[in-house]
């Protein structure tokens, strides 16, 4: 994010927080917002929460893998 700016971020909440709070505090605030949404899903959508949170965790794990290693394999 320091090299490419906040516009390179794909997650809309993290991108908005990065534009508002900068490249260091923005991702931290965006991650805190995502954690609060996960908590709200667990509380208010209790019957479907396990499926929703497992799917979200799987997508985030894939995104983390791609950002660290996968980008070099797919070039």
C-alpha atoms as a PDB file:
ATOM      1  CA  UNK A   1       0.000   0.000   0.000  1.00  0.00           C
ATOM      2  CA  UNK A   2       2.938   2.314   0.563  1.00  0.00           C
ATOM      3  CA  UNK A   3       4.074   1.767  -3.034  1.00  0.00           C
ATOM      4  CA  UNK A   4       0.759   1.633  -4.903  1.00  0.00           C
ATOM      5  CA  UNK A   5      -1.519   3.637  -2.628  1.00  0.00           C
ATOM      6  CA  UNK A   6      -4.905   2.824  -1.169  1.00  0.00           C
ATOM      7  CA  UNK A   7      -6.473   2.407  -4.605  1.00  0.00           C
ATOM      8  CA  UNK A   8      -4.664  -0.951  -4.964  1.00  0.00           C
ATOM      9  CA  UNK A   9      -6.667  -2.409  -2.037  1.00  0.00           C
ATOM     10  CA  UNK A  10      -9.538  -4.623  -3.183  1.00  0.00           C
ATOM     11  CA  UNK A  11     -11.629  -4.739   0.014  1.00  0.00           C
ATOM     12  CA  UNK A  12     -13.906  -1.676   0.030  1.00  0.00           C
ATOM     13  CA  UNK A  13     -13.883  -1.189   3.814  1.00  0.00           C
ATOM     14  CA  UNK A  14     -10.093  -1.378   4.062  1.00  0.00           C
ATOM     15  CA  UNK A  15      -9.724   0.908   1.029  1.00  0.00           C
ATOM     16  CA  UNK A  16     -12.084   3.518   2.512  1.00  0.00           C
ATOM     17  CA  UNK A  17     -10.342   3.374   5.883  1.00  0.00           C
ATOM     18  CA  UNK A  18      -6.946   3.651   4.192  1.00  0.00           C
ATOM     19  CA  UNK A  19      -8.004   6.708   2.246  1.00  0.00           C
ATOM     20  CA  UNK A  20      -9.398   8.299   5.403  1.00  0.00           C
ATOM     21  CA  UNK A  21      -6.715   7.294   7.926  1.00  0.00           C
ATOM     22  CA  UNK A  22      -3.583   6.584   5.884  1.00  0.00           C
ATOM     23  CA  UNK A  23      -1.647   3.491   4.823  1.00  0.00           C
ATOM     24  CA  UNK A  24      -0.762   2.341   8.344  1.00  0.00           C
ATOM     25  CA  UNK A  25      -3.832   3.036  10.477  1.00  0.00           C
ATOM     26  CA  UNK A  26      -6.316   2.444   7.647  1.00  0.00           C
ATOM     27  CA  UNK A  27      -5.793  -1.320   7.280  1.00  0.00           C
ATOM     28  CA  UNK A  28      -5.876  -1.725  11.070  1.00  0.00           C
ATOM     29  CA  UNK A  29      -9.151   0.161  11.337  1.00  0.00           C
ATOM     30  CA  UNK A  30     -10.527  -1.738   8.336  1.00  0.00           C
ATOM     31  CA  UNK A  31      -9.618  -5.058   9.952  1.00  0.00           C
ATOM     32  CA  UNK A  32     -11.322  -3.966  13.180  1.00  0.00           C
ATOM     33  CA  UNK A  33     -14.473  -3.121  11.194  1.00  0.00           C
ATOM     34  CA  UNK A  34     -14.386  -6.544   9.527  1.00  0.00           C
ATOM     35  CA  UNK A  35     -14.038  -8.202  12.945  1.00  0.00           C
ATOM     36  CA  UNK A  36     -17.050  -6.271  14.237  1.00  0.00           C
ATOM     37  CA  UNK A  37     -19.101  -7.422  11.240  1.00  0.00           C
ATOM     38  CA  UNK A  38     -18.089 -11.037  11.949  1.00  0.00           C
ATOM     39  CA  UNK A  39     -19.220 -10.589  15.537  1.00  0.00           C
ATOM     40  CA  UNK A  40     -22.534  -9.113  14.380  1.00  0.00           C
ATOM     41  CA  UNK A  41     -23.041 -12.055  11.987  1.00  0.00           C
ATOM     42  CA  UNK A  42     -22.357 -14.493  14.816  1.00  0.00           C
ATOM     43  CA  UNK A  43     -24.860 -12.763  17.096  1.00  0.00           C
ATOM     44  CA  UNK A  44     -27.708 -11.882  14.729  1.00  0.00           C
ATOM     45  CA  UNK A  45     -27.497 -14.657  12.130  1.00  0.00           C
ATOM     46  CA  UNK A  46     -26.784 -17.480  14.527  1.00  0.00           C
ATOM     47  CA  UNK A  47     -28.303 -20.358  12.475  1.00  0.00           C
ATOM     48  CA  UNK A  48     -26.256 -19.530   9.371  1.00  0.00           C
ATOM     49  CA  UNK A  49     -23.237 -17.984  11.121  1.00  0.00           C
ATOM     50  CA  UNK A  50     -21.014 -21.058  10.912  1.00  0.00           C
ATOM     51  CA  UNK A  51     -21.438 -21.399   7.143  1.00  0.00           C
ATOM     52  CA  UNK A  52     -21.013 -17.673   6.519  1.00  0.00           C
ATOM     53  CA  UNK A  53     -17.927 -17.334   8.723  1.00  0.00           C
ATOM     54  CA  UNK A  54     -16.274 -20.475   7.327  1.00  0.00           C
ATOM     55  CA  UNK A  55     -16.789 -19.234   3.780  1.00  0.00           C
ATOM     56  CA  UNK A  56     -15.405 -15.837   4.742  1.00  0.00           C
ATOM     57  CA  UNK A  57     -12.391 -17.385   6.466  1.00  0.00           C
ATOM     58  CA  UNK A  58     -11.704 -19.531   3.398  1.00  0.00           C
ATOM     59  CA  UNK A  59     -11.829 -16.504   1.099  1.00  0.00           C
ATOM     60  CA  UNK A  60      -9.547 -14.504   3.386  1.00  0.00           C
ATOM     61  CA  UNK A  61      -7.068 -17.389   3.600  1.00  0.00           C
ATOM     62  CA  UNK A  62      -6.992 -17.652  -0.181  1.00  0.00           C
ATOM     63  CA  UNK A  63      -6.511 -13.881  -0.514  1.00  0.00           C
ATOM     64  CA  UNK A  64      -3.650 -13.947   2.001  1.00  0.00           C
ATOM     65  CA  UNK A  65      -2.001 -16.877   0.195  1.00  0.00           C
ATOM     66  CA  UNK A  66      -2.371 -15.134  -3.146  1.00  0.00           C
ATOM     67  CA  UNK A  67      -0.929 -11.853  -1.837  1.00  0.00           C
ATOM     68  CA  UNK A  68       2.134 -13.577  -0.388  1.00  0.00           C
ATOM     69  CA  UNK A  69       2.883 -16.500  -2.723  1.00  0.00           C
ATOM     70  CA  UNK A  70       0.222 -16.945  -5.389  1.00  0.00           C
ATOM     71  CA  UNK A  71       0.925 -13.732  -7.241  1.00  0.00           C
ATOM     72  CA  UNK A  72       4.308 -15.144  -8.282  1.00  0.00           C
ATOM     73  CA  UNK A  73       2.768 -18.393  -9.555  1.00  0.00           C
ATOM     74  CA  UNK A  74       0.074 -16.703 -11.640  1.00  0.00           C
ATOM     75  CA  UNK A  75       2.284 -14.242 -13.547  1.00  0.00           C
END
